[in-house]
Protein backbone atom coordinates (compact mmCIF):
# COMPACT_ATOMS: atom_id res chain seq x y z
CA MET A 1 152.60 111.80 33.16
CA ALA A 2 148.99 110.80 32.40
CA PRO A 3 146.66 110.42 35.13
CA ILE A 4 145.81 106.81 36.34
CA GLU A 5 142.54 105.78 35.01
CA ARG A 6 141.26 104.14 38.20
CA ASP A 7 137.98 103.08 37.08
CA LEU A 8 139.74 100.82 34.34
CA LEU A 9 141.32 98.98 37.51
CA PRO A 10 139.67 96.30 39.81
CA ARG A 11 138.80 97.62 43.14
CA ARG A 12 141.37 95.65 45.12
CA ALA A 13 143.93 97.08 42.75
CA ASN A 14 142.89 100.69 43.52
CA GLU A 15 143.05 99.67 47.29
CA PHE A 16 146.79 98.78 46.59
CA LEU A 17 147.77 101.84 44.71
CA ASP A 18 146.22 104.07 47.77
CA TYR A 19 148.50 101.87 50.19
CA LEU A 20 151.47 102.53 48.11
CA TYR A 21 150.73 106.35 48.32
CA ASN A 22 149.54 106.48 51.77
CA VAL A 23 151.60 103.72 53.73
CA LYS A 24 154.64 103.23 51.52
CA ASN A 25 155.06 106.60 50.44
CA SER A 26 156.07 105.48 47.09
CA ALA A 27 156.78 107.88 44.06
CA PRO A 28 153.95 109.00 41.96
CA LEU A 29 155.89 107.62 38.66
CA THR A 30 156.21 104.16 40.35
CA ILE A 31 152.43 104.09 41.34
CA ALA A 32 151.79 105.06 37.74
CA GLU A 33 154.01 102.21 36.33
CA TYR A 34 152.30 99.81 38.77
CA ALA A 35 148.85 100.84 37.70
CA ARG A 36 149.70 100.23 34.06
CA ASP A 37 151.21 96.69 34.97
CA LEU A 38 148.16 95.49 37.11
CA ARG A 39 145.76 96.85 34.24
CA LEU A 40 147.80 94.86 31.54
CA PHE A 41 148.05 91.81 33.68
CA PHE A 42 144.17 91.64 34.37
CA SER A 43 143.57 92.35 30.73
CA PHE A 44 145.75 89.38 29.62
CA TYR A 45 144.34 87.23 32.30
CA ALA A 46 140.67 88.21 31.43
CA VAL A 47 141.27 87.65 27.76
CA SER A 48 143.02 84.16 28.41
CA LYS A 49 140.17 82.99 30.53
CA LYS A 50 137.47 84.33 28.06
CA LEU A 51 136.19 86.77 30.33
CA LEU A 52 136.76 89.68 27.98
CA THR A 53 137.50 89.90 24.20
CA PRO A 54 140.70 91.74 22.92
CA ASP A 55 137.99 94.22 21.71
CA ASP A 56 136.79 94.77 25.07
CA VAL A 57 140.33 95.41 26.23
CA GLU A 58 140.78 97.97 23.45
CA ASN A 59 137.67 99.81 24.31
CA LYS A 60 138.92 100.01 27.95
CA ALA A 61 136.29 97.70 29.43
CA PRO A 62 135.84 98.10 33.26
CA MET A 63 137.63 95.31 35.57
CA ASP A 64 134.51 95.38 38.11
CA PHE A 65 134.05 91.42 37.58
CA VAL A 66 137.61 91.04 39.33
CA ASP A 67 136.51 89.92 42.94
CA ASP A 68 138.27 88.15 45.63
CA ALA A 69 136.85 84.83 44.29
CA LEU A 70 138.56 85.32 40.96
CA LEU A 71 141.68 86.63 42.63
CA SER A 72 141.59 83.49 44.79
CA GLY A 73 141.81 81.62 41.61
CA ILE A 74 144.90 82.98 40.04
CA ARG A 75 147.86 80.73 40.26
CA VAL A 76 151.62 81.05 39.59
CA GLY A 77 151.22 79.53 36.12
CA ASP A 78 148.95 82.31 35.11
CA ILE A 79 151.64 84.85 36.00
CA TYR A 80 154.18 82.73 34.31
CA ASP A 81 151.91 82.67 31.12
CA PHE A 82 151.79 86.71 31.52
CA MET A 83 155.42 86.86 31.59
CA THR A 84 155.75 85.02 28.53
CA TYR A 85 153.27 86.93 26.87
CA CYS A 86 155.19 90.26 27.77
CA GLY A 87 158.52 88.72 26.57
CA SER A 88 157.50 87.03 23.29
CA GLU A 89 154.43 89.21 22.22
CA ARG A 90 155.23 92.74 23.71
CA GLY A 91 159.30 92.51 23.33
CA ASN A 92 159.74 93.51 26.98
CA SER A 93 163.15 93.02 28.25
CA ILE A 94 164.06 90.87 31.41
CA THR A 95 164.40 94.13 33.29
CA THR A 96 160.79 95.36 32.16
CA ARG A 97 159.54 91.95 33.18
CA ARG A 98 161.20 92.00 36.68
CA ARG A 99 159.36 95.30 37.20
CA LYS A 100 156.24 93.79 36.33
CA SER A 101 156.59 90.95 38.47
CA SER A 102 157.46 93.41 41.35
CA ALA A 103 154.16 95.19 40.66
CA LEU A 104 152.25 91.58 40.87
CA ARG A 105 154.32 90.65 43.92
CA GLY A 106 153.45 93.72 45.97
CA PHE A 107 149.78 93.45 44.92
CA PHE A 108 149.35 89.90 45.88
CA LYS A 109 151.32 90.24 48.93
CA TYR A 110 148.87 93.31 49.95
CA ILE A 111 145.62 91.31 49.34
CA SER A 112 146.88 88.25 50.84
CA ASP A 113 149.37 88.64 53.73
CA ASN A 114 148.43 92.32 54.58
CA MET A 115 144.66 92.03 54.23
CA GLY A 116 143.59 88.50 54.18
CA TYR A 117 141.38 88.95 51.22
CA ILE A 118 142.57 85.77 49.71
CA ASP A 119 144.00 82.69 51.27
CA ASN A 120 147.21 82.10 48.86
CA ASN A 121 149.74 84.43 47.44
CA PRO A 122 150.41 82.99 43.84
CA THR A 123 153.71 85.07 43.59
CA SER A 124 155.25 83.41 46.73
CA ASN A 125 157.18 81.00 44.42
CA LEU A 126 157.43 83.39 41.53
CA GLN A 127 161.10 83.14 39.94
CA LEU A 128 162.37 84.98 37.02
CA GLY A 129 166.06 84.64 35.61
CA SER A 130 168.45 86.99 36.99
CA ASP A 131 168.96 90.47 35.33
CA ARG A 132 172.71 90.42 34.42
CA LYS A 133 173.94 93.80 35.54
CA LYS A 134 175.72 95.89 32.93
CA LEU A 135 178.56 98.29 33.53
CA PRO A 136 177.00 101.80 33.48
CA LYS A 137 177.41 103.65 30.24
CA TYR A 138 179.06 107.19 31.07
CA LEU A 139 180.62 110.23 29.16
CA THR A 140 184.30 110.68 29.40
CA LEU A 141 185.72 113.84 31.06
CA GLU A 142 186.52 115.04 27.72
CA GLN A 143 183.02 114.33 26.37
CA SER A 144 181.50 116.01 29.47
CA GLN A 145 183.48 119.24 28.83
CA ALA A 146 182.38 119.00 25.15
CA LEU A 147 178.84 118.70 25.95
CA LEU A 148 178.93 122.04 28.15
CA GLN A 149 180.89 123.95 25.70
CA ALA A 150 178.37 122.87 22.81
CA VAL A 151 175.33 124.90 24.55
CA THR A 152 174.23 127.84 22.54
CA GLY A 153 171.03 129.45 21.54
CA GLU A 154 168.15 131.27 23.16
CA ASN A 155 168.00 129.15 26.32
CA ALA A 156 171.92 128.58 26.71
CA VAL A 157 172.12 129.89 30.24
CA ARG A 158 169.27 127.58 31.47
CA ASP A 159 170.25 124.61 29.29
CA ARG A 160 174.10 124.97 30.67
CA CYS A 161 172.85 125.05 34.21
CA ILE A 162 170.78 122.06 33.66
CA LEU A 163 173.63 120.18 32.21
CA THR A 164 176.00 121.33 34.96
CA LEU A 165 173.64 120.06 37.69
CA PHE A 166 173.20 116.74 36.12
CA LEU A 167 177.09 116.44 35.38
CA ASN A 168 178.03 117.54 38.88
CA CYS A 169 175.40 116.57 41.19
CA GLY A 170 174.18 113.04 39.71
CA LEU A 171 170.45 114.11 39.60
CA ARG A 172 167.65 111.87 38.36
CA LEU A 173 165.37 113.56 35.47
CA ALA A 174 162.46 113.58 37.77
CA GLU A 175 164.58 115.17 40.42
CA LEU A 176 165.67 117.93 38.27
CA CYS A 177 162.40 118.88 37.14
CA ALA A 178 160.97 119.02 40.60
CA LEU A 179 163.51 121.33 41.82
CA ASN A 180 162.07 124.64 43.09
CA LEU A 181 163.50 128.08 43.85
CA SER A 182 163.12 127.10 47.41
CA SER A 183 165.36 124.08 46.88
CA ILE A 184 168.28 126.07 46.32
CA ASP A 185 170.43 127.98 48.89
CA LEU A 186 173.35 129.83 47.34
CA ASP A 187 174.54 131.40 50.43
CA ARG A 188 175.01 128.07 52.11
CA ARG A 189 175.92 126.43 48.51
CA THR A 190 173.33 123.44 49.38
CA MET A 191 170.34 121.98 47.24
CA LEU A 192 167.51 120.11 48.73
CA VAL A 193 166.48 117.22 46.26
CA LEU A 194 163.09 115.31 46.46
CA GLY A 195 164.28 111.75 45.49
CA LYS A 196 162.46 108.50 45.07
CA GLY A 197 159.84 107.64 47.67
CA SER A 198 159.65 111.41 48.56
CA LYS A 199 162.84 111.18 50.33
CA GLU A 200 164.92 114.20 50.74
CA ARG A 201 168.76 114.65 50.63
CA MET A 202 170.97 117.57 50.78
CA LEU A 203 173.45 118.07 48.29
CA TYR A 204 176.35 120.56 48.34
CA LEU A 205 176.91 122.93 45.22
CA ASN A 206 180.41 123.30 43.96
CA ASP A 207 181.80 126.44 42.27
CA ALA A 208 180.43 125.30 38.75
CA CYS A 209 177.00 124.72 40.20
CA VAL A 210 176.82 128.01 41.86
CA SER A 211 178.25 130.03 38.91
CA ALA A 212 175.76 128.36 36.60
CA LEU A 213 172.67 128.83 39.06
CA THR A 214 173.83 132.55 39.54
CA ALA A 215 173.87 133.08 35.97
CA TYR A 216 170.43 131.22 35.09
CA LEU A 217 168.57 133.15 38.16
CA LYS A 218 169.44 136.31 36.41
CA VAL A 219 167.63 135.46 33.24
CA ARG A 220 164.92 133.02 34.77
CA PRO A 221 161.56 134.57 33.61
CA VAL A 222 158.90 135.60 36.28
CA ASP A 223 156.28 137.69 34.82
CA ALA A 224 153.97 134.95 33.31
CA LEU A 225 154.35 132.31 35.78
CA ARG A 226 151.30 131.35 37.61
CA GLY A 227 150.35 128.90 40.59
CA SER A 228 152.71 126.40 41.74
CA ASP A 229 154.88 127.13 38.79
CA ARG A 230 155.94 130.47 40.22
CA ASN A 231 158.15 128.37 42.64
CA ALA A 232 159.58 126.13 39.98
CA LEU A 233 163.29 126.46 39.38
CA PHE A 234 163.53 125.45 35.61
CA ILE A 235 161.03 126.94 33.38
CA SER A 236 160.01 125.94 29.78
CA ARG A 237 159.38 128.18 27.02
CA LEU A 238 155.78 128.15 27.81
CA ASN A 239 156.32 129.74 31.06
CA LYS A 240 155.68 126.53 33.04
CA ARG A 241 157.54 124.21 35.16
CA ILE A 242 159.88 122.43 32.59
CA GLY A 243 158.90 118.79 31.82
CA ARG A 244 160.77 115.53 31.51
CA GLN A 245 160.42 115.40 27.88
CA ALA A 246 161.54 118.88 27.39
CA VAL A 247 164.62 118.06 29.10
CA GLN A 248 165.29 114.75 27.33
CA LEU A 249 164.93 116.42 23.98
CA MET A 250 167.41 119.33 25.07
CA VAL A 251 170.02 116.82 26.29
CA TYR A 252 169.59 114.56 23.05
CA HIS A 253 170.24 117.89 20.94
CA TYR A 254 173.40 118.70 22.65
CA LEU A 255 174.65 114.92 22.50
CA ASN A 256 173.94 115.04 18.75
CA VAL A 257 175.79 118.26 18.63
CA ILE A 258 178.95 116.76 19.91
CA GLY A 259 178.52 113.54 17.88
CA LEU A 260 177.20 110.98 20.31
CA GLN A 261 173.89 110.45 18.44
CA GLY A 262 172.70 106.91 18.27
CA GLN A 263 175.05 105.61 20.85
CA ASN A 264 172.71 104.65 23.73
CA TYR A 265 173.39 107.85 25.56
CA SER A 266 170.59 109.53 27.55
CA VAL A 267 169.56 111.77 30.37
CA HIS A 268 170.16 109.06 32.74
CA LYS A 269 173.65 108.32 31.62
CA LEU A 270 174.55 111.95 32.67
CA ARG A 271 173.88 110.78 36.37
CA HIS A 272 176.20 107.70 35.55
CA THR A 273 178.74 110.21 34.26
CA ALA A 274 178.69 112.39 37.50
CA ALA A 275 179.14 109.11 39.67
CA THR A 276 181.88 107.79 37.54
CA LEU A 277 183.88 110.93 37.27
CA LEU A 278 183.65 111.47 41.14
CA TYR A 279 184.74 107.78 41.59
CA GLN A 280 187.49 108.05 38.99
CA TYR A 281 189.07 111.46 39.50
CA ALA A 282 188.10 112.55 42.93
CA ASP A 283 188.68 109.34 44.83
CA VAL A 284 185.12 109.53 46.40
CA ASP A 285 184.28 106.83 48.81
CA VAL A 286 181.40 104.63 47.69
CA LEU A 287 179.39 105.31 50.71
CA LEU A 288 179.60 108.95 49.96
CA LEU A 289 178.39 108.32 46.41
CA LYS A 290 175.39 106.28 47.93
CA ASP A 291 174.31 109.31 49.66
CA MET A 292 174.74 111.55 46.85
CA LEU A 293 172.81 109.57 44.34
CA GLY A 294 170.26 108.69 46.95
CA HIS A 295 170.49 104.99 46.32
CA GLU A 296 168.65 102.92 49.25
CA ASN A 297 171.11 99.99 48.81
CA LEU A 298 174.87 100.11 48.79
CA SER A 299 174.85 97.24 46.14
CA THR A 300 173.32 99.71 43.70
CA THR A 301 176.09 102.11 44.16
CA GLN A 302 178.80 99.53 43.95
CA ILE A 303 178.67 98.96 40.20
CA TYR A 304 180.63 102.17 39.74
CA THR A 305 183.65 100.41 41.41
CA HIS A 306 183.72 98.15 38.45
CA VAL A 307 184.13 100.80 35.91
CA ASP A 308 187.41 101.14 34.09
CA ASN A 309 189.87 101.97 36.89
CA GLU A 310 193.50 103.18 36.06
CA GLN A 311 194.70 102.52 39.41
CA LEU A 312 193.43 98.68 39.19
CA ARG A 313 194.99 98.28 35.48
CA GLN A 314 198.29 99.70 37.00
CA ALA A 315 198.19 97.24 39.78
CA ILE A 316 197.55 94.23 37.30
CA ASP A 317 200.42 95.48 35.23
CA LYS A 318 202.72 95.38 38.34
CA ASN A 319 201.89 91.54 38.89
CA PRO A 320 205.29 89.74 39.12
CA LEU A 321 204.01 87.26 36.50
CA ASN A 322 203.74 89.91 34.03
CA THR A 323 207.11 89.37 32.48
CA ASP A 324 208.50 87.15 29.62
CA ALA A 325 209.06 83.49 30.83
CA ALA A 326 212.92 83.86 30.78
CA GLU A 327 212.86 87.09 33.26
CA THR A 328 212.69 86.95 36.93
CA PRO A 329 211.11 90.05 38.20
CA PRO A 330 213.04 91.93 41.10
CA LYS A 331 211.96 91.04 44.55
CA LYS A 332 211.45 93.50 47.44
CA THR A 333 214.08 93.32 50.20
């Protein structure tokens, strides 16, 4: 992840980022995304008000002219104009625009309600269309088994271990890359995961995970590791902690091997797969899924209750009206 170029942001925006880090304990990735969103908004606003030219923005002009007086003059209409620009000119989806609106809501709430730098909060009445939730895309049990069986090559033991943890534990990509040797306790069959907002959760390792980790730890390189990478669980070919892009490319490669290229599968879909298979085959309660996945709200987890459920289909098939009009279904006595 590229470092945040703080000199390109207004002073109040940098204060807000520090607040996210020190007070809200937000994840570094979230802070970096909010920083980019705020930079984009102020660049758009400055160009629209003729405070900067597009060339100035391209040349990364500083934002030191954004003071409290300027911030006090921003209205909700300016933010709607920005959202329209993001959608029409940048092609941002409603999901991406909602994230940008969250960054702006948080920033203006901080400088108005929290700190009192400005009197009005232009985002207090900001509304965006609802983001229609889609059912999670996931691999079937057979596809998941095929993915694990497709692993070959020089790093096969490591790659199979990574895929096993994704498919059994429902890890996020960042969570897997952040795993350390000290995160794993094979004797207790546990794994300590650092989730969003630096929140820790303990996961239990099944036989497949223990077997995969045991095999990988026997071949994990140790000689050329330095600094903090000495404790990293998964190591790249450069003898460093494995990065997000390397894991993504590895997963895409094996998805291609089993014929799932171009079907909108991704690393995150393996997380969906773990949750869906547990719900479908292991009859895991949605509250347990919430804890396993590290969701803050139950509503986020409940989407897995809407996937194809054989029991629900069987129940509908048993509806007494599921007969020919001339037939009368038998009644319980």
